[in-house]
Amino acid sequence: MNKVILMGRLTRDPEVRYSQGQNSTAIARFSIAVDRRFKRDGQPDTDFFNCTCFGKQGEFVEKFLQKGTKVVVTGRVENDNYEKDGVKHYSVQIMVEEIEFAESKNAQGSGNDGAGRSAGPAPAGDGFMNIPTGIDEELPFA
């Protein structure tokens, strides 16, 4: 089985083109930065993946995604190996089968620096209810 699920932010605006012919198909290419869950000294803490999607997903990417947008991508990994001047080059790309937003539009515009880090505390209207302190004593199932 070849299945991958990634959550990350677009590193640049997507490149979208359309195939030639009577029934042109959208082809979208973009890159996402995915933070590693566990970080080690001297090791990178982010991985970058090149992604490609076609058809309706490509049109979705063109219309709604831009640099810094946080998305969840489901798809498969494909080898993208080639030989140039006698030297073999190895790489992989993610062939996207499903894509969806990983945060609300309000969260995107609330001071993120494009790398998922917030510039300050979230505003009061962040969509979450404030829980008063000391509420634990009142809950019957605590």
N, C-alpha and C. Protein backbone atom coordinates (compact mmCIF):
# COMPACT_ATOMS: atom_id res chain seq x y z
N MET A 1 0.85 -1.17 0.00
CA MET A 1 0.00 0.00 0.00
C MET A 1 0.90 1.23 0.00
N ASN A 2 0.54 2.21 -0.78
CA ASN A 2 1.30 3.45 -0.90
C ASN A 2 0.34 4.60 -0.58
N LYS A 3 0.36 5.08 0.66
CA LYS A 3 -0.54 6.15 1.08
C LYS A 3 0.21 7.05 2.05
N VAL A 4 0.05 8.35 1.85
CA VAL A 4 0.71 9.32 2.71
C VAL A 4 -0.28 10.41 3.09
N ILE A 5 -0.21 10.86 4.34
CA ILE A 5 -1.02 11.97 4.82
C ILE A 5 -0.05 12.98 5.43
N LEU A 6 -0.10 14.21 4.93
CA LEU A 6 0.79 15.26 5.40
C LEU A 6 -0.02 16.49 5.76
N MET A 7 0.44 17.21 6.79
CA MET A 7 -0.15 18.50 7.12
C MET A 7 0.98 19.51 7.18
N GLY A 8 0.82 20.58 6.41
CA GLY A 8 1.85 21.61 6.40
C GLY A 8 1.37 22.86 5.70
N ARG A 9 2.30 23.79 5.53
CA ARG A 9 1.99 25.08 4.91
C ARG A 9 2.66 25.18 3.55
N LEU A 10 1.95 25.81 2.61
CA LEU A 10 2.53 26.04 1.29
C LEU A 10 3.72 26.97 1.42
N THR A 11 4.82 26.63 0.78
CA THR A 11 6.04 27.43 0.86
C THR A 11 6.06 28.54 -0.18
N ARG A 12 5.22 28.44 -1.18
CA ARG A 12 5.12 29.47 -2.22
C ARG A 12 3.74 29.35 -2.87
N ASP A 13 3.37 30.34 -3.66
CA ASP A 13 2.10 30.26 -4.37
C ASP A 13 2.15 29.09 -5.35
N PRO A 14 1.04 28.36 -5.52
CA PRO A 14 1.03 27.21 -6.43
C PRO A 14 1.21 27.64 -7.88
N GLU A 15 1.80 26.74 -8.67
CA GLU A 15 1.92 26.93 -10.12
C GLU A 15 0.85 26.06 -10.76
N VAL A 16 -0.05 26.66 -11.52
CA VAL A 16 -1.14 25.92 -12.15
C VAL A 16 -1.09 26.17 -13.64
N ARG A 17 -1.18 25.08 -14.39
CA ARG A 17 -1.28 25.19 -15.85
C ARG A 17 -2.35 24.21 -16.30
N TYR A 18 -2.75 24.36 -17.54
CA TYR A 18 -3.80 23.49 -18.07
C TYR A 18 -3.25 22.71 -19.24
N SER A 19 -3.64 21.43 -19.33
CA SER A 19 -3.19 20.57 -20.43
C SER A 19 -3.82 21.05 -21.74
N GLN A 20 -3.19 20.69 -22.83
CA GLN A 20 -3.69 21.07 -24.15
C GLN A 20 -4.81 20.12 -24.56
N GLY A 21 -5.62 20.54 -25.49
CA GLY A 21 -6.65 19.66 -26.02
C GLY A 21 -8.04 20.17 -25.73
N GLN A 22 -9.00 19.40 -26.20
CA GLN A 22 -10.40 19.79 -26.07
C GLN A 22 -10.85 19.79 -24.61
N ASN A 23 -10.48 18.78 -23.87
CA ASN A 23 -10.83 18.70 -22.45
C ASN A 23 -9.60 19.01 -21.61
N SER A 24 -9.27 20.29 -21.47
CA SER A 24 -8.08 20.67 -20.72
C SER A 24 -8.26 20.34 -19.24
N THR A 25 -7.18 19.91 -18.61
CA THR A 25 -7.18 19.51 -17.21
C THR A 25 -6.20 20.40 -16.44
N ALA A 26 -6.61 20.86 -15.27
CA ALA A 26 -5.73 21.65 -14.42
C ALA A 26 -4.65 20.75 -13.83
N ILE A 27 -3.41 21.26 -13.85
CA ILE A 27 -2.28 20.57 -13.24
C ILE A 27 -1.64 21.57 -12.28
N ALA A 28 -1.72 21.28 -10.99
CA ALA A 28 -1.19 22.20 -9.97
C ALA A 28 0.02 21.58 -9.30
N ARG A 29 1.05 22.40 -9.14
CA ARG A 29 2.27 21.98 -8.43
C ARG A 29 2.53 22.98 -7.32
N PHE A 30 2.85 22.44 -6.15
CA PHE A 30 3.15 23.29 -5.00
C PHE A 30 4.04 22.51 -4.05
N SER A 31 4.59 23.21 -3.10
CA SER A 31 5.46 22.60 -2.11
C SER A 31 4.92 22.92 -0.72
N ILE A 32 4.98 21.93 0.18
CA ILE A 32 4.55 22.19 1.55
C ILE A 32 5.69 21.91 2.52
N ALA A 33 5.72 22.69 3.59
CA ALA A 33 6.68 22.50 4.67
C ALA A 33 5.96 21.79 5.81
N VAL A 34 6.51 20.66 6.22
CA VAL A 34 5.90 19.84 7.27
C VAL A 34 6.87 19.78 8.45
N ASP A 35 6.41 20.26 9.61
CA ASP A 35 7.24 20.23 10.81
C ASP A 35 7.39 18.79 11.29
N ARG A 36 8.60 18.46 11.72
CA ARG A 36 8.83 17.14 12.31
C ARG A 36 8.30 17.15 13.74
N ARG A 37 7.76 16.02 14.13
CA ARG A 37 7.17 15.92 15.47
C ARG A 37 8.25 15.93 16.55
N PHE A 38 9.33 15.21 16.32
CA PHE A 38 10.42 15.13 17.28
C PHE A 38 11.66 15.76 16.65
N LYS A 39 12.29 16.64 17.40
CA LYS A 39 13.44 17.38 16.88
C LYS A 39 14.70 16.93 17.60
N ARG A 40 15.79 16.79 16.85
CA ARG A 40 17.08 16.43 17.43
C ARG A 40 18.08 17.53 17.10
N ASP A 41 19.03 17.73 17.99
CA ASP A 41 20.05 18.74 17.76
C ASP A 41 20.83 18.43 16.49
N GLY A 42 21.03 19.44 15.67
CA GLY A 42 21.79 19.28 14.44
C GLY A 42 21.00 18.74 13.27
N GLN A 43 19.77 18.35 13.50
CA GLN A 43 18.91 17.81 12.44
C GLN A 43 17.89 18.88 12.03
N PRO A 44 17.49 18.86 10.75
CA PRO A 44 16.45 19.82 10.35
C PRO A 44 15.15 19.52 11.09
N ASP A 45 14.36 20.56 11.35
CA ASP A 45 13.09 20.35 12.05
C ASP A 45 11.90 20.45 11.12
N THR A 46 12.15 20.63 9.82
CA THR A 46 11.09 20.73 8.82
C THR A 46 11.48 19.95 7.58
N ASP A 47 10.52 19.27 6.99
CA ASP A 47 10.72 18.59 5.70
C ASP A 47 9.88 19.30 4.66
N PHE A 48 10.38 19.31 3.42
CA PHE A 48 9.69 19.97 2.31
C PHE A 48 9.32 18.92 1.27
N PHE A 49 8.06 18.96 0.83
CA PHE A 49 7.56 17.98 -0.12
C PHE A 49 6.97 18.68 -1.33
N ASN A 50 7.36 18.23 -2.52
CA ASN A 50 6.75 18.71 -3.76
C ASN A 50 5.49 17.91 -4.01
N CYS A 51 4.41 18.60 -4.32
CA CYS A 51 3.11 17.97 -4.52
C CYS A 51 2.56 18.33 -5.90
N THR A 52 1.82 17.39 -6.48
CA THR A 52 1.16 17.60 -7.77
C THR A 52 -0.25 17.07 -7.67
N CYS A 53 -1.20 17.83 -8.23
CA CYS A 53 -2.57 17.34 -8.30
C CYS A 53 -3.20 17.76 -9.62
N PHE A 54 -4.24 17.04 -10.00
CA PHE A 54 -4.87 17.21 -11.30
C PHE A 54 -6.36 17.46 -11.15
N GLY A 55 -6.96 17.97 -12.22
CA GLY A 55 -8.42 18.08 -12.32
C GLY A 55 -9.01 19.03 -11.30
N LYS A 56 -10.07 18.55 -10.63
CA LYS A 56 -10.80 19.37 -9.66
C LYS A 56 -9.90 19.83 -8.51
N GLN A 57 -9.01 18.95 -8.05
CA GLN A 57 -8.09 19.35 -6.98
C GLN A 57 -7.17 20.47 -7.46
N GLY A 58 -6.71 20.39 -8.71
CA GLY A 58 -5.88 21.44 -9.28
C GLY A 58 -6.61 22.77 -9.35
N GLU A 59 -7.89 22.73 -9.73
CA GLU A 59 -8.70 23.94 -9.78
C GLU A 59 -8.91 24.51 -8.38
N PHE A 60 -9.12 23.63 -7.39
CA PHE A 60 -9.26 24.06 -6.00
C PHE A 60 -8.00 24.77 -5.53
N VAL A 61 -6.86 24.18 -5.83
CA VAL A 61 -5.57 24.76 -5.44
C VAL A 61 -5.41 26.14 -6.06
N GLU A 62 -5.73 26.25 -7.35
CA GLU A 62 -5.58 27.52 -8.06
C GLU A 62 -6.46 28.61 -7.44
N LYS A 63 -7.68 28.24 -7.06
CA LYS A 63 -8.66 29.20 -6.59
C LYS A 63 -8.46 29.62 -5.14
N PHE A 64 -8.08 28.68 -4.27
CA PHE A 64 -8.12 28.94 -2.84
C PHE A 64 -6.79 28.94 -2.10
N LEU A 65 -5.74 28.38 -2.65
CA LEU A 65 -4.50 28.24 -1.89
C LEU A 65 -3.46 29.28 -2.30
N GLN A 66 -2.66 29.67 -1.32
CA GLN A 66 -1.57 30.60 -1.56
C GLN A 66 -0.47 30.31 -0.54
N LYS A 67 0.65 30.99 -0.70
CA LYS A 67 1.77 30.80 0.22
C LYS A 67 1.30 30.99 1.66
N GLY A 68 1.67 30.06 2.54
CA GLY A 68 1.33 30.14 3.95
C GLY A 68 0.06 29.42 4.34
N THR A 69 -0.76 29.01 3.38
CA THR A 69 -2.00 28.30 3.69
C THR A 69 -1.68 26.93 4.28
N LYS A 70 -2.33 26.59 5.38
CA LYS A 70 -2.12 25.29 6.03
C LYS A 70 -3.12 24.30 5.47
N VAL A 71 -2.62 23.17 4.97
CA VAL A 71 -3.47 22.17 4.34
C VAL A 71 -3.13 20.76 4.84
N VAL A 72 -4.09 19.87 4.66
CA VAL A 72 -3.88 18.43 4.86
C VAL A 72 -3.97 17.80 3.48
N VAL A 73 -2.93 17.04 3.14
CA VAL A 73 -2.84 16.41 1.83
C VAL A 73 -2.82 14.90 2.02
N THR A 74 -3.64 14.19 1.24
CA THR A 74 -3.63 12.74 1.21
C THR A 74 -3.30 12.31 -0.20
N GLY A 75 -2.42 11.35 -0.34
CA GLY A 75 -2.04 10.91 -1.68
C GLY A 75 -1.08 9.74 -1.64
N ARG A 76 -0.25 9.66 -2.68
CA ARG A 76 0.73 8.58 -2.76
C ARG A 76 2.09 9.17 -3.11
N VAL A 77 3.13 8.45 -2.76
CA VAL A 77 4.50 8.87 -3.05
C VAL A 77 4.93 8.23 -4.36
N GLU A 78 5.51 9.04 -5.24
CA GLU A 78 6.05 8.52 -6.50
C GLU A 78 7.51 8.93 -6.64
N ASN A 79 8.31 7.99 -7.14
CA ASN A 79 9.71 8.30 -7.43
C ASN A 79 9.77 9.25 -8.61
N ASP A 80 10.68 10.19 -8.53
CA ASP A 80 10.88 11.14 -9.61
C ASP A 80 12.37 11.12 -9.96
N ASN A 81 12.90 9.92 -10.22
CA ASN A 81 14.32 9.73 -10.47
C ASN A 81 14.65 9.96 -11.95
N TYR A 82 15.83 10.51 -12.19
CA TYR A 82 16.27 10.71 -13.56
C TYR A 82 17.80 10.73 -13.60
N GLU A 83 18.33 10.59 -14.81
CA GLU A 83 19.78 10.62 -15.00
C GLU A 83 20.12 11.78 -15.92
N LYS A 84 21.11 12.58 -15.51
CA LYS A 84 21.54 13.72 -16.30
C LYS A 84 23.06 13.76 -16.31
N ASP A 85 23.62 13.77 -17.49
CA ASP A 85 25.09 13.78 -17.66
C ASP A 85 25.75 12.63 -16.91
N GLY A 86 25.10 11.48 -16.91
CA GLY A 86 25.66 10.29 -16.28
C GLY A 86 25.51 10.26 -14.76
N VAL A 87 24.86 11.25 -14.19
CA VAL A 87 24.67 11.31 -12.75
C VAL A 87 23.20 11.04 -12.43
N LYS A 88 22.96 10.08 -11.54
CA LYS A 88 21.59 9.77 -11.15
C LYS A 88 21.12 10.74 -10.08
N HIS A 89 19.90 11.25 -10.26
CA HIS A 89 19.27 12.14 -9.30
C HIS A 89 18.04 11.44 -8.75
N TYR A 90 17.90 11.47 -7.44
CA TYR A 90 16.78 10.80 -6.78
C TYR A 90 15.92 11.82 -6.06
N SER A 91 14.63 11.72 -6.25
CA SER A 91 13.69 12.55 -5.52
C SER A 91 12.32 11.88 -5.53
N VAL A 92 11.45 12.38 -4.70
CA VAL A 92 10.08 11.88 -4.66
C VAL A 92 9.13 13.06 -4.75
N GLN A 93 7.92 12.78 -5.16
CA GLN A 93 6.88 13.78 -5.14
C GLN A 93 5.60 13.14 -4.63
N ILE A 94 4.74 13.97 -4.10
CA ILE A 94 3.46 13.50 -3.58
C ILE A 94 2.41 13.75 -4.65
N MET A 95 1.75 12.68 -5.08
CA MET A 95 0.64 12.79 -6.03
C MET A 95 -0.63 12.91 -5.20
N VAL A 96 -1.19 14.10 -5.18
CA VAL A 96 -2.30 14.43 -4.28
C VAL A 96 -3.59 13.81 -4.80
N GLU A 97 -4.29 13.12 -3.91
CA GLU A 97 -5.60 12.56 -4.21
C GLU A 97 -6.70 13.35 -3.51
N GLU A 98 -6.40 13.87 -2.32
CA GLU A 98 -7.35 14.69 -1.56
C GLU A 98 -6.59 15.83 -0.91
N ILE A 99 -7.24 17.00 -0.83
CA ILE A 99 -6.63 18.15 -0.17
C ILE A 99 -7.72 18.94 0.52
N GLU A 100 -7.43 19.42 1.72
CA GLU A 100 -8.40 20.25 2.43
C GLU A 100 -7.67 21.22 3.35
N PHE A 101 -8.38 22.26 3.74
CA PHE A 101 -7.82 23.26 4.64
C PHE A 101 -7.59 22.65 6.01
N ALA A 102 -6.52 23.09 6.68
CA ALA A 102 -6.22 22.60 8.02
C ALA A 102 -6.50 23.65 9.09
N GLU A 103 -6.91 24.85 8.67
CA GLU A 103 -7.28 25.88 9.63
C GLU A 103 -8.26 26.84 8.97
N SER A 104 -8.93 27.61 9.79
CA SER A 104 -9.91 28.55 9.25
C SER A 104 -9.22 29.73 8.58
N LYS A 105 -9.97 30.42 7.77
CA LYS A 105 -9.42 31.60 7.09
C LYS A 105 -9.03 32.66 8.11
N ASN A 106 -9.80 32.79 9.19
CA ASN A 106 -9.47 33.76 10.24
C ASN A 106 -8.13 33.44 10.89
N ALA A 107 -7.85 32.16 11.10
CA ALA A 107 -6.58 31.77 11.72
C ALA A 107 -5.41 32.10 10.81
N GLN A 108 -5.61 32.00 9.51
CA GLN A 108 -4.53 32.32 8.57
C GLN A 108 -4.14 33.78 8.66
N GLY A 109 -5.11 34.64 8.85
CA GLY A 109 -4.84 36.07 8.85
C GLY A 109 -4.60 36.65 10.23
N SER A 110 -4.41 35.83 11.26
CA SER A 110 -4.30 36.34 12.62
C SER A 110 -2.85 36.48 13.07
N GLY A 111 -1.99 36.97 12.19
CA GLY A 111 -0.63 37.26 12.62
C GLY A 111 0.35 36.14 12.40
N ASN A 112 0.02 35.11 11.64
CA ASN A 112 0.99 34.07 11.35
C ASN A 112 2.09 34.63 10.48
N ASP A 113 3.32 34.16 10.68
CA ASP A 113 4.43 34.67 9.88
C ASP A 113 4.69 33.83 8.64
N GLY A 114 3.76 32.94 8.28
CA GLY A 114 3.93 32.11 7.10
C GLY A 114 4.54 30.76 7.40
N ALA A 115 5.12 30.61 8.58
CA ALA A 115 5.74 29.34 8.95
C ALA A 115 4.97 28.68 10.08
N GLY A 116 3.75 29.15 10.34
CA GLY A 116 2.93 28.51 11.35
C GLY A 116 3.12 29.08 12.74
N ARG A 117 3.99 30.07 12.88
CA ARG A 117 4.21 30.65 14.20
C ARG A 117 3.38 31.91 14.31
N SER A 118 2.74 32.08 15.42
CA SER A 118 1.88 33.23 15.63
C SER A 118 2.70 34.40 16.16
N ALA A 119 2.36 35.61 15.73
CA ALA A 119 3.09 36.78 16.17
C ALA A 119 2.68 37.22 17.56
N GLY A 120 1.59 36.72 18.09
CA GLY A 120 1.14 37.12 19.41
C GLY A 120 -0.04 36.28 19.84
N PRO A 121 -0.65 36.65 20.96
CA PRO A 121 -1.80 35.87 21.42
C PRO A 121 -2.97 36.01 20.47
N ALA A 122 -3.80 34.99 20.44
CA ALA A 122 -4.96 35.00 19.55
C ALA A 122 -5.96 36.04 20.05
N PRO A 123 -6.66 36.70 19.14
CA PRO A 123 -7.64 37.69 19.56
C PRO A 123 -8.80 37.03 20.29
N ALA A 124 -9.57 37.83 21.01
CA ALA A 124 -10.67 37.30 21.81
C ALA A 124 -11.71 36.59 20.95
N GLY A 125 -11.89 37.00 19.71
CA GLY A 125 -12.87 36.39 18.84
C GLY A 125 -12.30 35.23 18.04
N ASP A 126 -11.52 34.36 18.68
CA ASP A 126 -10.87 33.27 17.97
C ASP A 126 -11.77 32.06 17.77
N GLY A 127 -13.02 32.14 18.21
CA GLY A 127 -13.95 31.05 18.00
C GLY A 127 -14.00 30.06 19.15
N PHE A 128 -13.15 30.20 20.16
CA PHE A 128 -13.13 29.29 21.29
C PHE A 128 -13.73 29.98 22.52
N MET A 129 -14.42 29.19 23.31
CA MET A 129 -15.04 29.72 24.51
C MET A 129 -14.00 29.76 25.62
N ASN A 130 -13.98 30.85 26.38
CA ASN A 130 -13.07 30.94 27.52
C ASN A 130 -13.65 30.12 28.67
N ILE A 131 -12.85 29.23 29.23
CA ILE A 131 -13.26 28.38 30.36
C ILE A 131 -12.76 29.04 31.63
N PRO A 132 -13.65 29.35 32.57
CA PRO A 132 -13.20 29.99 33.81
C PRO A 132 -12.38 29.02 34.66
N THR A 133 -11.43 29.56 35.42
CA THR A 133 -10.63 28.73 36.30
C THR A 133 -11.50 28.22 37.44
N GLY A 134 -11.18 27.06 37.98
CA GLY A 134 -11.93 26.48 39.08
C GLY A 134 -13.16 25.72 38.64
N ILE A 135 -13.36 25.54 37.36
CA ILE A 135 -14.54 24.85 36.84
C ILE A 135 -14.47 23.34 37.12
N ASP A 136 -13.27 22.81 37.37
CA ASP A 136 -13.11 21.37 37.58
C ASP A 136 -13.93 20.86 38.77
N GLU A 137 -14.09 21.66 39.80
CA GLU A 137 -14.85 21.21 40.97
C GLU A 137 -16.33 21.04 40.65
N GLU A 138 -16.83 21.72 39.65
CA GLU A 138 -18.26 21.69 39.32
C GLU A 138 -18.63 20.56 38.36
N LEU A 139 -17.66 19.92 37.74
CA LEU A 139 -17.95 18.88 36.76
C LEU A 139 -18.19 17.55 37.46
N PRO A 140 -19.33 16.89 37.17
CA PRO A 140 -19.64 15.63 37.88
C PRO A 140 -18.78 14.46 37.43
N PHE A 141 -18.16 14.53 36.28
CA PHE A 141 -17.41 13.38 35.76
C PHE A 141 -15.91 13.59 35.81
N ALA A 142 -15.44 14.53 36.56
CA ALA A 142 -14.01 14.85 36.59
C ALA A 142 -13.23 13.84 37.38
